[in-house]
Amino acid sequence: MNEGITGPVDKVTNVVVDLGPRIIMTGSEVLGTADNISIEVAESTLEDLEKLKSAYEIRLVKMLGKSGAGGHLGKDAKANS
């Protein structure tokens, strides 16, 4: 019936995930703490959202160039790329 569908069936988009209190670090240097951190996940699966919520440590990496989430450009990307 839905033979053309590929990928996970439990995909969700634009979900706000509350991560709770966290230590803010770059590399091994502690920069501060946050009482609560929330992020909006553009696209994920329900299973991966659960992994994110329960993860001891997560990594945020700045995307260079056009992003899939909002088209923002990194500082080294050209505006006319």
PDB file of N, CA and C in Angstrom:
ATOM      1  N   MET A   1       0.815  -1.193   0.000  1.00  0.00           N
ATOM      2  CA  MET A   1       0.000   0.000   0.000  1.00  0.00           C
ATOM      3  C   MET A   1       0.859   1.257   0.000  1.00  0.00           C
ATOM      4  N   ASN A   2       1.816   1.395   0.911  1.00  0.00           N
ATOM      5  CA  ASN A   2       2.723   2.545   0.971  1.00  0.00           C
ATOM      6  C   ASN A   2       4.122   2.128   0.545  1.00  0.00           C
ATOM      7  N   GLU A   3       4.239   1.541  -0.621  1.00  0.00           N
ATOM      8  CA  GLU A   3       5.520   1.003  -1.072  1.00  0.00           C
ATOM      9  C   GLU A   3       6.573   2.087  -1.285  1.00  0.00           C
ATOM     10  N   GLY A   4       6.155   3.332  -1.553  1.00  0.00           N
ATOM     11  CA  GLY A   4       7.107   4.399  -1.803  1.00  0.00           C
ATOM     12  C   GLY A   4       7.706   5.008  -0.546  1.00  0.00           C
ATOM     13  N   ILE A   5       7.215   4.653   0.620  1.00  0.00           N
ATOM     14  CA  ILE A   5       7.710   5.224   1.877  1.00  0.00           C
ATOM     15  C   ILE A   5       9.021   4.562   2.260  1.00  0.00           C
ATOM     16  N   THR A   6      10.022   5.381   2.518  1.00  0.00           N
ATOM     17  CA  THR A   6      11.301   4.880   3.018  1.00  0.00           C
ATOM     18  C   THR A   6      11.637   5.636   4.284  1.00  0.00           C
ATOM     19  N   GLY A   7      12.480   5.055   5.102  1.00  0.00           N
ATOM     20  CA  GLY A   7      12.895   5.716   6.339  1.00  0.00           C
ATOM     21  C   GLY A   7      12.011   5.327   7.494  1.00  0.00           C
ATOM     22  N   PRO A   8      12.348   5.852   8.676  1.00  0.00           N
ATOM     23  CA  PRO A   8      11.628   5.454   9.893  1.00  0.00           C
ATOM     24  C   PRO A   8      10.193   5.962   9.912  1.00  0.00           C
ATOM     25  N   VAL A   9       9.295   5.155  10.394  1.00  0.00           N
ATOM     26  CA  VAL A   9       7.890   5.523  10.495  1.00  0.00           C
ATOM     27  C   VAL A   9       7.671   6.457  11.675  1.00  0.00           C
ATOM     28  N   ASP A  10       8.510   6.355  12.696  1.00  0.00           N
ATOM     29  CA  ASP A  10       8.324   7.155  13.912  1.00  0.00           C
ATOM     30  C   ASP A  10       9.067   8.486  13.862  1.00  0.00           C
ATOM     31  N   LYS A  11       9.295   9.039  12.677  1.00  0.00           N
ATOM     32  CA  LYS A  11       9.994  10.314  12.530  1.00  0.00           C
ATOM     33  C   LYS A  11       9.116  11.453  13.035  1.00  0.00           C
ATOM     34  N   VAL A  12       9.743  12.381  13.771  1.00  0.00           N
ATOM     35  CA  VAL A  12       9.056  13.571  14.258  1.00  0.00           C
ATOM     36  C   VAL A  12       9.857  14.798  13.850  1.00  0.00           C
ATOM     37  N   THR A  13       9.178  15.943  13.753  1.00  0.00           N
ATOM     38  CA  THR A  13       9.853  17.181  13.369  1.00  0.00           C
ATOM     39  C   THR A  13       9.490  18.298  14.346  1.00  0.00           C
ATOM     40  N   ASN A  14      10.428  19.213  14.508  1.00  0.00           N
ATOM     41  CA  ASN A  14      10.238  20.421  15.323  1.00  0.00           C
ATOM     42  C   ASN A  14       9.715  20.118  16.726  1.00  0.00           C
ATOM     43  N   VAL A  15      10.485  19.337  17.461  1.00  0.00           N
ATOM     44  CA  VAL A  15      10.119  18.938  18.817  1.00  0.00           C
ATOM     45  C   VAL A  15      11.048  19.632  19.808  1.00  0.00           C
ATOM     46  N   VAL A  16      10.481  20.254  20.842  1.00  0.00           N
ATOM     47  CA  VAL A  16      11.288  20.867  21.901  1.00  0.00           C
ATOM     48  C   VAL A  16      11.607  19.786  22.923  1.00  0.00           C
ATOM     49  N   VAL A  17      12.914  19.631  23.203  1.00  0.00           N
ATOM     50  CA  VAL A  17      13.383  18.627  24.157  1.00  0.00           C
ATOM     51  C   VAL A  17      13.992  19.341  25.352  1.00  0.00           C
ATOM     52  N   ASP A  18      13.457  19.079  26.536  1.00  0.00           N
ATOM     53  CA  ASP A  18      14.009  19.633  27.775  1.00  0.00           C
ATOM     54  C   ASP A  18      15.093  18.687  28.274  1.00  0.00           C
ATOM     55  N   LEU A  19      16.319  19.201  28.360  1.00  0.00           N
ATOM     56  CA  LEU A  19      17.460  18.378  28.765  1.00  0.00           C
ATOM     57  C   LEU A  19      17.772  18.499  30.248  1.00  0.00           C
ATOM     58  N   GLY A  20      17.134  19.426  30.938  1.00  0.00           N
ATOM     59  CA  GLY A  20      17.370  19.569  32.368  1.00  0.00           C
ATOM     60  C   GLY A  20      18.655  20.312  32.669  1.00  0.00           C
ATOM     61  N   PRO A  21      19.096  20.253  33.921  1.00  0.00           N
ATOM     62  CA  PRO A  21      20.320  20.962  34.316  1.00  0.00           C
ATOM     63  C   PRO A  21      21.548  20.317  33.681  1.00  0.00           C
ATOM     64  N   ARG A  22      22.468  21.160  33.238  1.00  0.00           N
ATOM     65  CA  ARG A  22      23.687  20.686  32.569  1.00  0.00           C
ATOM     66  C   ARG A  22      24.880  21.558  32.935  1.00  0.00           C
ATOM     67  N   ILE A  23      26.052  20.980  32.854  1.00  0.00           N
ATOM     68  CA  ILE A  23      27.312  21.723  32.933  1.00  0.00           C
ATOM     69  C   ILE A  23      27.661  22.116  31.503  1.00  0.00           C
ATOM     70  N   ILE A  24      28.082  23.353  31.298  1.00  0.00           N
ATOM     71  CA  ILE A  24      28.437  23.834  29.970  1.00  0.00           C
ATOM     72  C   ILE A  24      29.955  23.802  29.833  1.00  0.00           C
ATOM     73  N   MET A  25      30.437  23.078  28.816  1.00  0.00           N
ATOM     74  CA  MET A  25      31.873  22.892  28.620  1.00  0.00           C
ATOM     75  C   MET A  25      32.250  23.090  27.159  1.00  0.00           C
ATOM     76  N   THR A  26      33.506  23.477  26.940  1.00  0.00           N
ATOM     77  CA  THR A  26      34.128  23.397  25.623  1.00  0.00           C
ATOM     78  C   THR A  26      35.384  22.570  25.815  1.00  0.00           C
ATOM     79  N   GLY A  27      35.473  21.478  25.080  1.00  0.00           N
ATOM     80  CA  GLY A  27      36.589  20.562  25.308  1.00  0.00           C
ATOM     81  C   GLY A  27      36.519  20.037  26.727  1.00  0.00           C
ATOM     82  N   SER A  28      37.583  20.247  27.490  1.00  0.00           N
ATOM     83  CA  SER A  28      37.595  19.793  28.885  1.00  0.00           C
ATOM     84  C   SER A  28      37.440  20.952  29.870  1.00  0.00           C
ATOM     85  N   GLU A  29      37.167  22.164  29.358  1.00  0.00           N
ATOM     86  CA  GLU A  29      37.051  23.353  30.206  1.00  0.00           C
ATOM     87  C   GLU A  29      35.591  23.627  30.578  1.00  0.00           C
ATOM     88  N   VAL A  30      35.321  23.736  31.885  1.00  0.00           N
ATOM     89  CA  VAL A  30      33.983  24.069  32.361  1.00  0.00           C
ATOM     90  C   VAL A  30      33.791  25.577  32.264  1.00  0.00           C
ATOM     91  N   LEU A  31      32.726  25.995  31.551  1.00  0.00           N
ATOM     92  CA  LEU A  31      32.445  27.414  31.373  1.00  0.00           C
ATOM     93  C   LEU A  31      31.344  27.911  32.296  1.00  0.00           C
ATOM     94  N   GLY A  32      30.472  26.995  32.728  1.00  0.00           N
ATOM     95  CA  GLY A  32      29.378  27.405  33.592  1.00  0.00           C
ATOM     96  C   GLY A  32      28.358  26.294  33.732  1.00  0.00           C
ATOM     97  N   THR A  33      27.217  26.649  34.300  1.00  0.00           N
ATOM     98  CA  THR A  33      26.131  25.688  34.468  1.00  0.00           C
ATOM     99  C   THR A  33      24.832  26.311  33.980  1.00  0.00           C
ATOM    100  N   ALA A  34      23.862  25.456  33.698  1.00  0.00           N
ATOM    101  CA  ALA A  34      22.529  25.911  33.301  1.00  0.00           C
ATOM    102  C   ALA A  34      21.501  25.144  34.121  1.00  0.00           C
ATOM    103  N   ASP A  35      20.496  25.847  34.627  1.00  0.00           N
ATOM    104  CA  ASP A  35      19.437  25.195  35.388  1.00  0.00           C
ATOM    105  C   ASP A  35      18.601  24.288  34.506  1.00  0.00           C
ATOM    106  N   ASN A  36      18.382  24.713  33.271  1.00  0.00           N
ATOM    107  CA  ASN A  36      17.626  23.908  32.323  1.00  0.00           C
ATOM    108  C   ASN A  36      18.022  24.304  30.914  1.00  0.00           C
ATOM    109  N   ILE A  37      18.251  23.324  30.087  1.00  0.00           N
ATOM    110  CA  ILE A  37      18.542  23.572  28.678  1.00  0.00           C
ATOM    111  C   ILE A  37      17.463  22.889  27.863  1.00  0.00           C
ATOM    112  N   SER A  38      16.869  23.652  26.949  1.00  0.00           N
ATOM    113  CA  SER A  38      15.896  23.114  26.006  1.00  0.00           C
ATOM    114  C   SER A  38      16.413  23.364  24.605  1.00  0.00           C
ATOM    115  N   ILE A  39      16.215  22.391  23.733  1.00  0.00           N
ATOM    116  CA  ILE A  39      16.601  22.569  22.338  1.00  0.00           C
ATOM    117  C   ILE A  39      15.433  22.153  21.456  1.00  0.00           C
ATOM    118  N   GLU A  40      15.338  22.775  20.290  1.00  0.00           N
ATOM    119  CA  GLU A  40      14.338  22.374  19.314  1.00  0.00           C
ATOM    120  C   GLU A  40      15.023  21.482  18.288  1.00  0.00           C
ATOM    121  N   VAL A  41      14.561  20.255  18.203  1.00  0.00           N
ATOM    122  CA  VAL A  41      15.133  19.283  17.276  1.00  0.00           C
ATOM    123  C   VAL A  41      14.331  19.357  15.988  1.00  0.00           C
ATOM    124  N   ALA A  42      15.006  19.643  14.874  1.00  0.00           N
ATOM    125  CA  ALA A  42      14.321  19.816  13.592  1.00  0.00           C
ATOM    126  C   ALA A  42      13.741  18.504  13.078  1.00  0.00           C
ATOM    127  N   GLU A  43      14.494  17.420  13.206  1.00  0.00           N
ATOM    128  CA  GLU A  43      14.028  16.123  12.708  1.00  0.00           C
ATOM    129  C   GLU A  43      14.741  15.001  13.440  1.00  0.00           C
ATOM    130  N   SER A  44      14.008  14.014  13.869  1.00  0.00           N
ATOM    131  CA  SER A  44      14.587  12.881  14.589  1.00  0.00           C
ATOM    132  C   SER A  44      13.587  11.734  14.593  1.00  0.00           C
ATOM    133  N   THR A  45      13.975  10.655  15.244  1.00  0.00           N
ATOM    134  CA  THR A  45      13.035   9.566  15.490  1.00  0.00           C
ATOM    135  C   THR A  45      12.696   9.577  16.978  1.00  0.00           C
ATOM    136  N   LEU A  46      11.600   8.943  17.330  1.00  0.00           N
ATOM    137  CA  LEU A  46      11.228   8.867  18.740  1.00  0.00           C
ATOM    138  C   LEU A  46      12.307   8.162  19.546  1.00  0.00           C
ATOM    139  N   GLU A  47      12.892   7.112  18.975  1.00  0.00           N
ATOM    140  CA  GLU A  47      13.951   6.367  19.662  1.00  0.00           C
ATOM    141  C   GLU A  47      15.170   7.252  19.927  1.00  0.00           C
ATOM    142  N   ASP A  48      15.577   8.034  18.920  1.00  0.00           N
ATOM    143  CA  ASP A  48      16.737   8.905  19.104  1.00  0.00           C
ATOM    144  C   ASP A  48      16.457  10.043  20.074  1.00  0.00           C
ATOM    145  N   LEU A  49      15.214  10.539  20.126  1.00  0.00           N
ATOM    146  CA  LEU A  49      14.868  11.570  21.110  1.00  0.00           C
ATOM    147  C   LEU A  49      14.996  11.031  22.526  1.00  0.00           C
ATOM    148  N   GLU A  50      14.607   9.784  22.742  1.00  0.00           N
ATOM    149  CA  GLU A  50      14.757   9.173  24.057  1.00  0.00           C
ATOM    150  C   GLU A  50      16.234   9.034  24.429  1.00  0.00           C
ATOM    151  N   LYS A  51      17.069   8.670  23.452  1.00  0.00           N
ATOM    152  CA  LYS A  51      18.518   8.587  23.695  1.00  0.00           C
ATOM    153  C   LYS A  51      19.063   9.959  24.083  1.00  0.00           C
ATOM    154  N   LEU A  52      18.607  11.000  23.390  1.00  0.00           N
ATOM    155  CA  LEU A  52      19.060  12.361  23.674  1.00  0.00           C
ATOM    156  C   LEU A  52      18.671  12.783  25.085  1.00  0.00           C
ATOM    157  N   LYS A  53      17.427  12.539  25.460  1.00  0.00           N
ATOM    158  CA  LYS A  53      16.936  12.933  26.779  1.00  0.00           C
ATOM    159  C   LYS A  53      17.699  12.246  27.912  1.00  0.00           C
ATOM    160  N   SER A  54      18.107  11.009  27.705  1.00  0.00           N
ATOM    161  CA  SER A  54      18.752  10.250  28.773  1.00  0.00           C
ATOM    162  C   SER A  54      20.280  10.272  28.705  1.00  0.00           C
ATOM    163  N   ALA A  55      20.843  10.928  27.697  1.00  0.00           N
ATOM    164  CA  ALA A  55      22.298  10.931  27.520  1.00  0.00           C
ATOM    165  C   ALA A  55      22.995  11.693  28.645  1.00  0.00           C
ATOM    166  N   TYR A  56      24.071  11.121  29.144  1.00  0.00           N
ATOM    167  CA  TYR A  56      24.894  11.767  30.164  1.00  0.00           C
ATOM    168  C   TYR A  56      25.595  12.983  29.566  1.00  0.00           C
ATOM    169  N   GLU A  57      26.032  12.852  28.334  1.00  0.00           N
ATOM    170  CA  GLU A  57      26.772  13.914  27.669  1.00  0.00           C
ATOM    171  C   GLU A  57      26.288  14.013  26.233  1.00  0.00           C
ATOM    172  N   ILE A  58      26.092  15.250  25.745  1.00  0.00           N
ATOM    173  CA  ILE A  58      25.742  15.460  24.346  1.00  0.00           C
ATOM    174  C   ILE A  58      26.746  16.425  23.748  1.00  0.00           C
ATOM    175  N   ARG A  59      26.837  16.432  22.443  1.00  0.00           N
ATOM    176  CA  ARG A  59      27.764  17.331  21.753  1.00  0.00           C
ATOM    177  C   ARG A  59      26.984  18.175  20.764  1.00  0.00           C
ATOM    178  N   LEU A  60      27.205  19.475  20.786  1.00  0.00           N
ATOM    179  CA  LEU A  60      26.619  20.397  19.817  1.00  0.00           C
ATOM    180  C   LEU A  60      27.736  20.872  18.904  1.00  0.00           C
ATOM    181  N   VAL A  61      27.565  20.692  17.621  1.00  0.00           N
ATOM    182  CA  VAL A  61      28.593  21.057  16.655  1.00  0.00           C
ATOM    183  C   VAL A  61      28.004  22.064  15.670  1.00  0.00           C
ATOM    184  N   LYS A  62      28.661  23.218  15.533  1.00  0.00           N
ATOM    185  CA  LYS A  62      28.186  24.245  14.615  1.00  0.00           C
ATOM    186  C   LYS A  62      28.316  23.737  13.186  1.00  0.00           C
ATOM    187  N   MET A  63      27.226  23.885  12.440  1.00  0.00           N
ATOM    188  CA  MET A  63      27.231  23.476  11.038  1.00  0.00           C
ATOM    189  C   MET A  63      27.702  24.641  10.184  1.00  0.00           C
ATOM    190  N   LEU A  64      28.599  24.382   9.266  1.00  0.00           N
ATOM    191  CA  LEU A  64      29.076  25.416   8.347  1.00  0.00           C
ATOM    192  C   LEU A  64      28.304  25.298   7.044  1.00  0.00           C
ATOM    193  N   GLY A  65      28.069  26.423   6.387  1.00  0.00           N
ATOM    194  CA  GLY A  65      27.300  26.408   5.152  1.00  0.00           C
ATOM    195  C   GLY A  65      25.829  26.467   5.453  1.00  0.00           C
ATOM    196  N   LYS A  66      25.034  26.177   4.448  1.00  0.00           N
ATOM    197  CA  LYS A  66      23.581  26.223   4.620  1.00  0.00           C
ATOM    198  C   LYS A  66      23.146  25.054   5.473  1.00  0.00           C
ATOM    199  N   SER A  67      22.330  25.336   6.495  1.00  0.00           N
ATOM    200  CA  SER A  67      21.827  24.267   7.358  1.00  0.00           C
ATOM    201  C   SER A  67      20.452  23.853   6.880  1.00  0.00           C
ATOM    202  N   GLY A  68      20.094  22.620   7.174  1.00  0.00           N
ATOM    203  CA  GLY A  68      18.780  22.135   6.817  1.00  0.00           C
ATOM    204  C   GLY A  68      17.693  22.745   7.672  1.00  0.00           C
ATOM    205  N   ALA A  69      18.046  23.267   8.842  1.00  0.00           N
ATOM    206  CA  ALA A  69      17.036  23.743   9.776  1.00  0.00           C
ATOM    207  C   ALA A  69      16.559  25.156   9.479  1.00  0.00           C
ATOM    208  N   GLY A  70      17.454  26.038   9.023  1.00  0.00           N
ATOM    209  CA  GLY A  70      16.988  27.404   8.862  1.00  0.00           C
ATOM    210  C   GLY A  70      17.737  28.199   7.817  1.00  0.00           C
ATOM    211  N   GLY A  71      18.707  27.597   7.157  1.00  0.00           N
ATOM    212  CA  GLY A  71      19.441  28.291   6.126  1.00  0.00           C
ATOM    213  C   GLY A  71      20.458  29.287   6.648  1.00  0.00           C
ATOM    214  N   HIS A  72      20.786  29.233   7.924  1.00  0.00           N
ATOM    215  CA  HIS A  72      21.785  30.148   8.480  1.00  0.00           C
ATOM    216  C   HIS A  72      23.166  29.749   7.988  1.00  0.00           C
ATOM    217  N   LEU A  73      24.028  30.731   7.830  1.00  0.00           N
ATOM    218  CA  LEU A  73      25.372  30.478   7.338  1.00  0.00           C
ATOM    219  C   LEU A  73      26.362  30.533   8.477  1.00  0.00           C
ATOM    220  N   GLY A  74      27.340  29.639   8.442  1.00  0.00           N
ATOM    221  CA  GLY A  74      28.441  29.694   9.402  1.00  0.00           C
ATOM    222  C   GLY A  74      29.325  30.881   9.098  1.00  0.00           C
ATOM    223  N   LYS A  75      30.211  31.257  10.032  1.00  0.00           N
ATOM    224  CA  LYS A  75      31.005  32.481   9.863  1.00  0.00           C
ATOM    225  C   LYS A  75      31.976  32.385   8.697  1.00  0.00           C
ATOM    226  N   ASP A  76      32.379  31.174   8.295  1.00  0.00           N
ATOM    227  CA  ASP A  76      33.343  31.026   7.203  1.00  0.00           C
ATOM    228  C   ASP A  76      32.663  30.742   5.860  1.00  0.00           C
ATOM    229  N   ALA A  77      31.352  30.630   5.840  1.00  0.00           N
ATOM    230  CA  ALA A  77      30.642  30.317   4.595  1.00  0.00           C
ATOM    231  C   ALA A  77      30.366  31.593   3.836  1.00  0.00           C
ATOM    232  N   LYS A  78      30.322  31.486   2.504  1.00  0.00           N
ATOM    233  CA  LYS A  78      29.998  32.631   1.659  1.00  0.00           C
ATOM    234  C   LYS A  78      28.496  32.743   1.525  1.00  0.00           C
ATOM    235  N   ALA A  79      27.994  33.979   1.511  1.00  0.00           N
ATOM    236  CA  ALA A  79      26.556  34.209   1.455  1.00  0.00           C
ATOM    237  C   ALA A  79      25.946  33.711   0.153  1.00  0.00           C
ATOM    238  N   ASN A  80      26.699  33.660  -0.925  1.00  0.00           N
ATOM    239  CA  ASN A  80      26.157  33.253  -2.228  1.00  0.00           C
ATOM    240  C   ASN A  80      26.489  31.806  -2.560  1.00  0.00           C
ATOM    241  N   SER A  81      26.751  30.969  -1.581  1.00  0.00           N
ATOM    242  CA  SER A  81      27.086  29.564  -1.834  1.00  0.00           C
ATOM    243  C   SER A  81      25.906  28.845  -2.444  1.00  0.00           C
TER     244      SER A  81
END
